[in-house]
Amino acid sequence: MDHECTSGTIPFLDLLIRKENNNISISVFRKPTHSGVYTHYSSFIPFQYKRQLVLTLLNRAYSICSSYELLHLEFEQLKTMLKRNGYTQHLLDNIIGRFLESEYNDKLSLLGPEPRKAYIRLPYIGDASEKAKGVITSCLSRIGCGSVRLITTYDYTRVGGCFPYKDRQPKHLTSGVVYKLTFNSCPVFYIGETARCSYARFSEHQRKRGPLLTEFTQHLVDNPSHKANFTDNFHIIKYGLNFTRTRKLAETLTIQEHADDTNMLNDRHKSILSYLFNV
């Protein structure tokens, strides 16, 4: 454990176990580095999230504390920390009272058919969203839908969602892709895959000497007037294929999609995978 045990006291997970006069008591344990910082009451989030934060802390204390005295001390400590985070005394007392009432009430009174739940998604725009929820709930009660429990879920517009987290990788450095090569002066095309940088693979296609020429390179040899450049004629079809088997399969499926296109240079029966998919 990271914490030294004091006389008769030992921390274990969220528990602070204390032994006094052959009696064991359990309370909530917090590390010395605990800051007491929670979601501030002024945060721009639905009120139900703030209320649920308080209820979560109360339920934790109620489940851990071994006596009502320790529970009372924990509740007082929670109120002190939450008031530092903008929560008012009146609000905390109200939530604590409702929480204790729900715990002490006879559980048999809760038996019966559960109300049917209706979910509705609303954009969260502050108090207007809470008012809209109240209006909808009021309308449901007026038309006799008292057994329906309305549950709202909110959509958020994050500023970060409007911008990329980082710059997109340049095309010539992109690896693990299935690509399509075209020409400027004719409609034929070639489909391939590579685990290396895209520009390195394109440069290999430009080499017109060697024992293993691709269909694309052979077309360049047979038609010297046909030209291709990386910027305009190298098209990435699928990204993020870092595993060889996945990349080969994606290439085969792409070739099969163009199997009836006479302008495709690839031999769809050349690879074993292509042959299997064509059976």
Protein backbone atom coordinates (compact mmCIF):
# COMPACT_ATOMS: atom_id res chain seq x y z
CA MET A 1 0.00 0.00 0.00
CA ASP A 2 1.09 3.56 -0.68
CA HIS A 3 0.00 4.91 2.69
CA GLU A 4 1.63 4.27 6.00
CA CYS A 5 -0.61 2.73 8.60
CA THR A 6 -1.07 4.78 11.75
CA SER A 7 -1.86 3.27 15.11
CA GLY A 8 -5.00 1.16 14.77
CA THR A 9 -5.87 2.58 11.33
CA ILE A 10 -5.38 1.12 7.87
CA PRO A 11 -6.64 2.37 4.48
CA PHE A 12 -7.93 -0.16 1.97
CA LEU A 13 -9.31 1.04 -1.37
CA ASP A 14 -12.10 3.52 -0.47
CA LEU A 15 -12.25 2.31 3.15
CA LEU A 16 -10.57 3.69 6.24
CA ILE A 17 -10.63 0.86 8.75
CA ARG A 18 -10.10 1.85 12.38
CA LYS A 19 -9.76 -0.44 15.41
CA GLU A 20 -10.60 0.97 18.83
CA ASN A 21 -11.15 -1.07 21.99
CA ASN A 22 -11.58 -4.28 19.99
CA ASN A 23 -14.23 -2.58 17.83
CA ILE A 24 -13.84 -1.97 14.12
CA SER A 25 -15.32 1.08 12.42
CA ILE A 26 -15.25 1.92 8.72
CA SER A 27 -15.42 5.34 7.11
CA VAL A 28 -14.59 6.87 3.73
CA PHE A 29 -10.89 7.13 2.91
CA ARG A 30 -9.36 9.92 0.83
CA LYS A 31 -5.73 10.23 -0.13
CA PRO A 32 -3.76 13.19 1.25
CA THR A 33 -3.55 14.50 -2.34
CA HIS A 34 -7.35 14.64 -2.65
CA SER A 35 -8.20 18.16 -3.87
CA GLY A 36 -11.96 18.20 -3.30
CA VAL A 37 -12.53 19.58 -6.78
CA TYR A 38 -15.76 18.40 -8.43
CA THR A 39 -17.93 19.65 -11.26
CA HIS A 40 -18.66 23.27 -10.37
CA TYR A 41 -22.27 24.29 -9.96
CA SER A 42 -21.83 27.02 -12.57
CA SER A 43 -20.75 24.48 -15.21
CA PHE A 44 -22.82 24.57 -18.39
CA ILE A 45 -24.35 21.11 -18.01
CA PRO A 46 -27.88 19.89 -17.20
CA PHE A 47 -28.94 20.23 -13.57
CA GLN A 48 -29.64 16.49 -13.36
CA TYR A 49 -25.88 15.82 -13.78
CA LYS A 50 -25.08 18.10 -10.84
CA ARG A 51 -27.73 16.47 -8.69
CA GLN A 52 -26.49 13.02 -9.65
CA LEU A 53 -22.96 13.97 -8.60
CA VAL A 54 -24.20 14.77 -5.10
CA LEU A 55 -26.29 11.59 -4.96
CA THR A 56 -23.31 9.48 -6.04
CA LEU A 57 -21.18 10.86 -3.21
CA LEU A 58 -24.02 10.38 -0.72
CA ASN A 59 -24.60 6.80 -1.79
CA ARG A 60 -20.90 6.06 -1.50
CA ALA A 61 -20.85 7.39 2.06
CA TYR A 62 -24.06 5.55 2.98
CA SER A 63 -22.65 2.25 1.65
CA ILE A 64 -19.28 2.56 3.41
CA CYS A 65 -19.82 4.20 6.80
CA SER A 66 -20.41 1.67 9.55
CA SER A 67 -22.29 3.95 11.95
CA TYR A 68 -24.69 6.89 11.77
CA GLU A 69 -22.16 9.07 13.59
CA LEU A 70 -19.54 8.45 10.90
CA LEU A 71 -22.19 8.92 8.22
CA HIS A 72 -23.14 12.31 9.69
CA LEU A 73 -19.48 13.41 9.77
CA GLU A 74 -19.03 12.31 6.16
CA PHE A 75 -22.14 14.19 5.06
CA GLU A 76 -20.84 17.35 6.78
CA GLN A 77 -17.48 16.97 5.06
CA LEU A 78 -19.21 16.48 1.69
CA LYS A 79 -21.28 19.61 2.22
CA THR A 80 -18.13 21.60 3.02
CA MET A 81 -16.39 20.42 -0.17
CA LEU A 82 -19.43 20.87 -2.39
CA LYS A 83 -20.09 24.39 -1.10
CA ARG A 84 -16.56 25.25 -2.21
CA ASN A 85 -17.64 24.07 -5.66
CA GLY A 86 -20.59 26.47 -5.79
CA TYR A 87 -23.39 24.28 -4.39
CA THR A 88 -25.71 26.08 -1.97
CA GLN A 89 -26.57 24.93 1.54
CA HIS A 90 -30.29 24.83 0.71
CA LEU A 91 -29.73 22.63 -2.36
CA LEU A 92 -27.49 20.20 -0.48
CA ASP A 93 -29.89 19.91 2.45
CA ASN A 94 -32.75 19.26 0.03
CA ILE A 95 -30.88 16.51 -1.84
CA ILE A 96 -29.63 14.89 1.37
CA GLY A 97 -33.14 14.92 2.84
CA ARG A 98 -34.62 13.28 -0.24
CA PHE A 99 -31.82 10.74 -0.32
CA LEU A 100 -32.30 9.70 3.31
CA GLU A 101 -36.07 9.61 2.87
CA SER A 102 -35.72 7.26 -0.11
CA GLU A 103 -33.37 5.00 1.89
CA TYR A 104 -35.50 4.88 5.03
CA ASN A 105 -38.88 4.47 3.37
CA ASP A 106 -40.45 1.03 3.26
CA LYS A 107 -39.21 -0.65 0.07
CA LEU A 108 -42.55 -2.42 -0.27
CA SER A 109 -44.16 0.89 -1.17
CA LEU A 110 -42.06 0.90 -4.31
CA LEU A 111 -43.48 -2.38 -5.59
CA GLY A 112 -45.77 -2.32 -8.59
CA PRO A 113 -45.59 -1.87 -12.33
CA GLU A 114 -42.69 0.27 -13.39
CA PRO A 115 -43.70 3.39 -15.34
CA ARG A 116 -43.04 3.16 -19.05
CA LYS A 117 -39.99 5.19 -19.99
CA ALA A 118 -40.01 7.61 -22.90
CA TYR A 119 -36.68 8.94 -24.15
CA ILE A 120 -36.32 12.23 -25.97
CA ARG A 121 -33.12 13.82 -27.26
CA LEU A 122 -32.83 17.59 -26.97
CA PRO A 123 -29.99 20.03 -27.66
CA TYR A 124 -28.66 21.42 -24.40
CA ILE A 125 -28.86 25.23 -24.45
CA GLY A 126 -29.13 25.95 -20.74
CA ASP A 127 -32.36 26.93 -18.97
CA ALA A 128 -34.32 26.72 -22.22
CA SER A 129 -33.73 22.96 -22.32
CA GLU A 130 -35.02 22.56 -18.76
CA LYS A 131 -38.13 24.62 -19.62
CA ALA A 132 -38.73 22.51 -22.74
CA LYS A 133 -38.55 19.36 -20.63
CA GLY A 134 -41.09 20.82 -18.19
CA VAL A 135 -43.48 21.78 -20.99
CA ILE A 136 -43.29 18.30 -22.55
CA THR A 137 -43.84 16.63 -19.19
CA SER A 138 -46.84 18.88 -18.51
CA CYS A 139 -48.36 18.05 -21.90
CA LEU A 140 -47.95 14.32 -21.26
CA SER A 141 -49.78 14.61 -17.93
CA ARG A 142 -52.62 16.60 -19.50
CA ILE A 143 -53.29 13.97 -22.15
CA GLY A 144 -53.41 11.19 -19.57
CA CYS A 145 -49.88 9.79 -19.84
CA GLY A 146 -49.25 9.77 -16.12
CA SER A 147 -47.57 6.36 -16.25
CA VAL A 148 -44.91 7.62 -18.67
CA ARG A 149 -41.56 8.69 -17.23
CA LEU A 150 -39.82 11.20 -19.48
CA ILE A 151 -36.04 10.85 -19.71
CA THR A 152 -34.12 13.52 -21.60
CA THR A 153 -30.71 12.99 -23.13
CA TYR A 154 -28.82 15.99 -24.39
CA ASP A 155 -26.68 16.68 -27.43
CA TYR A 156 -23.70 18.94 -26.99
CA THR A 157 -21.85 21.10 -29.48
CA ARG A 158 -18.22 21.07 -28.51
CA VAL A 159 -15.88 23.66 -29.93
CA GLY A 160 -13.24 20.97 -30.28
CA GLY A 161 -15.57 18.97 -32.50
CA CYS A 162 -15.43 21.71 -35.11
CA PHE A 163 -11.66 21.45 -35.44
CA PRO A 164 -9.31 18.52 -35.99
CA TYR A 165 -7.22 17.50 -33.00
CA LYS A 166 -4.12 17.52 -35.17
CA ASP A 167 -3.18 18.24 -38.76
CA ARG A 168 -4.11 15.54 -41.26
CA GLN A 169 -1.14 13.49 -42.37
CA PRO A 170 0.07 14.54 -45.85
CA LYS A 171 -0.95 12.16 -48.60
CA HIS A 172 2.61 11.37 -49.64
CA LEU A 173 3.40 10.15 -46.07
CA THR A 174 0.23 8.09 -45.59
CA SER A 175 0.84 4.35 -45.21
CA GLY A 176 -1.33 1.25 -44.87
CA VAL A 177 -3.71 2.11 -47.71
CA VAL A 178 -5.52 0.73 -50.72
CA TYR A 179 -5.06 3.09 -53.66
CA LYS A 180 -6.16 3.68 -57.23
CA LEU A 181 -3.80 4.88 -59.97
CA THR A 182 -5.10 6.67 -63.05
CA PHE A 183 -3.66 8.38 -66.12
CA ASN A 184 -4.13 11.87 -67.49
CA SER A 185 -4.76 10.81 -71.08
CA CYS A 186 -6.67 7.50 -70.87
CA PRO A 187 -9.44 5.95 -68.73
CA VAL A 188 -7.56 2.86 -67.54
CA PHE A 189 -6.71 2.50 -63.85
CA TYR A 190 -4.87 0.24 -61.46
CA ILE A 191 -5.76 -0.78 -57.87
CA GLY A 192 -3.08 -1.66 -55.36
CA GLU A 193 -2.12 -1.68 -51.69
CA THR A 194 0.94 -0.73 -49.72
CA ALA A 195 2.23 -0.72 -46.17
CA ARG A 196 4.85 1.92 -47.01
CA CYS A 197 4.47 5.62 -47.64
CA SER A 198 2.22 6.36 -50.60
CA TYR A 199 4.78 8.38 -52.51
CA ALA A 200 7.41 5.64 -52.14
CA ARG A 201 5.00 3.13 -53.67
CA PHE A 202 4.10 5.52 -56.49
CA SER A 203 7.81 5.98 -57.27
CA GLU A 204 8.18 2.20 -57.58
CA HIS A 205 5.42 2.17 -60.19
CA GLN A 206 7.41 4.74 -62.20
CA ARG A 207 10.42 2.45 -62.56
CA LYS A 208 10.29 0.95 -66.04
CA ARG A 209 13.09 -1.57 -65.59
CA GLY A 210 13.16 -4.74 -63.57
CA PRO A 211 11.89 -8.31 -63.62
CA LEU A 212 8.64 -7.64 -61.71
CA LEU A 213 6.69 -4.86 -63.39
CA THR A 214 3.15 -4.12 -62.26
CA GLU A 215 0.33 -3.79 -64.78
CA PHE A 216 0.49 -0.04 -64.27
CA THR A 217 4.22 0.11 -65.04
CA GLN A 218 3.80 -2.18 -68.05
CA HIS A 219 1.15 0.16 -69.40
CA LEU A 220 3.61 3.06 -69.10
CA VAL A 221 6.22 1.03 -70.98
CA ASP A 222 3.78 0.13 -73.76
CA ASN A 223 2.38 3.67 -73.99
CA PRO A 224 5.21 6.21 -73.54
CA SER A 225 2.86 9.12 -74.19
CA HIS A 226 0.70 8.29 -71.17
CA LYS A 227 1.71 10.20 -68.07
CA ALA A 228 0.76 10.10 -64.38
CA ASN A 229 1.72 12.29 -61.45
CA PHE A 230 1.30 11.67 -57.74
CA THR A 231 -0.85 14.70 -56.95
CA ASP A 232 -3.54 14.14 -59.60
CA ASN A 233 -3.42 10.40 -60.29
CA PHE A 234 -2.77 8.72 -56.93
CA HIS A 235 -6.12 8.29 -55.14
CA ILE A 236 -6.33 6.70 -51.67
CA ILE A 237 -9.47 4.57 -51.36
CA LYS A 238 -9.10 3.06 -47.88
CA TYR A 239 -7.04 4.28 -44.93
CA GLY A 240 -5.66 2.77 -41.73
CA LEU A 241 -5.03 -0.77 -42.98
CA ASN A 242 -1.94 -1.54 -40.94
CA PHE A 243 -2.34 -5.33 -40.93
CA THR A 244 -1.26 -7.19 -44.06
CA ARG A 245 -4.20 -9.60 -44.10
CA THR A 246 -6.74 -6.79 -43.68
CA ARG A 247 -5.06 -4.71 -46.38
CA LYS A 248 -4.89 -7.62 -48.86
CA LEU A 249 -8.54 -8.43 -48.24
CA ALA A 250 -9.58 -4.81 -48.77
CA GLU A 251 -7.60 -4.71 -52.02
CA THR A 252 -9.24 -7.92 -53.25
CA LEU A 253 -12.74 -6.67 -52.44
CA THR A 254 -12.03 -3.39 -54.23
CA ILE A 255 -10.78 -5.26 -57.30
CA GLN A 256 -13.89 -7.44 -57.29
CA GLU A 257 -16.07 -4.32 -57.21
CA HIS A 258 -14.54 -3.33 -60.56
CA ALA A 259 -14.38 -6.85 -61.98
CA ASP A 260 -16.64 -5.97 -64.93
CA ASP A 261 -14.81 -2.76 -65.77
CA THR A 262 -12.69 -3.31 -68.89
CA ASN A 263 -10.54 -0.28 -68.02
CA MET A 264 -9.05 -1.96 -64.96
CA LEU A 265 -5.49 -3.12 -65.49
CA ASN A 266 -5.44 -5.60 -62.62
CA ASP A 267 -5.71 -9.32 -63.33
CA ARG A 268 -8.42 -10.33 -60.88
CA HIS A 269 -7.42 -14.01 -61.16
CA LYS A 270 -3.78 -13.35 -60.37
CA SER A 271 -3.98 -13.42 -56.59
CA ILE A 272 -5.24 -16.40 -54.63
CA LEU A 273 -7.63 -14.23 -52.65
CA SER A 274 -9.17 -12.82 -55.80
CA TYR A 275 -9.58 -16.31 -57.23
CA LEU A 276 -11.31 -17.53 -54.09
CA PHE A 277 -13.74 -14.62 -54.11
CA ASN A 278 -14.51 -15.27 -57.77
CA VAL A 279 -15.45 -18.95 -57.28
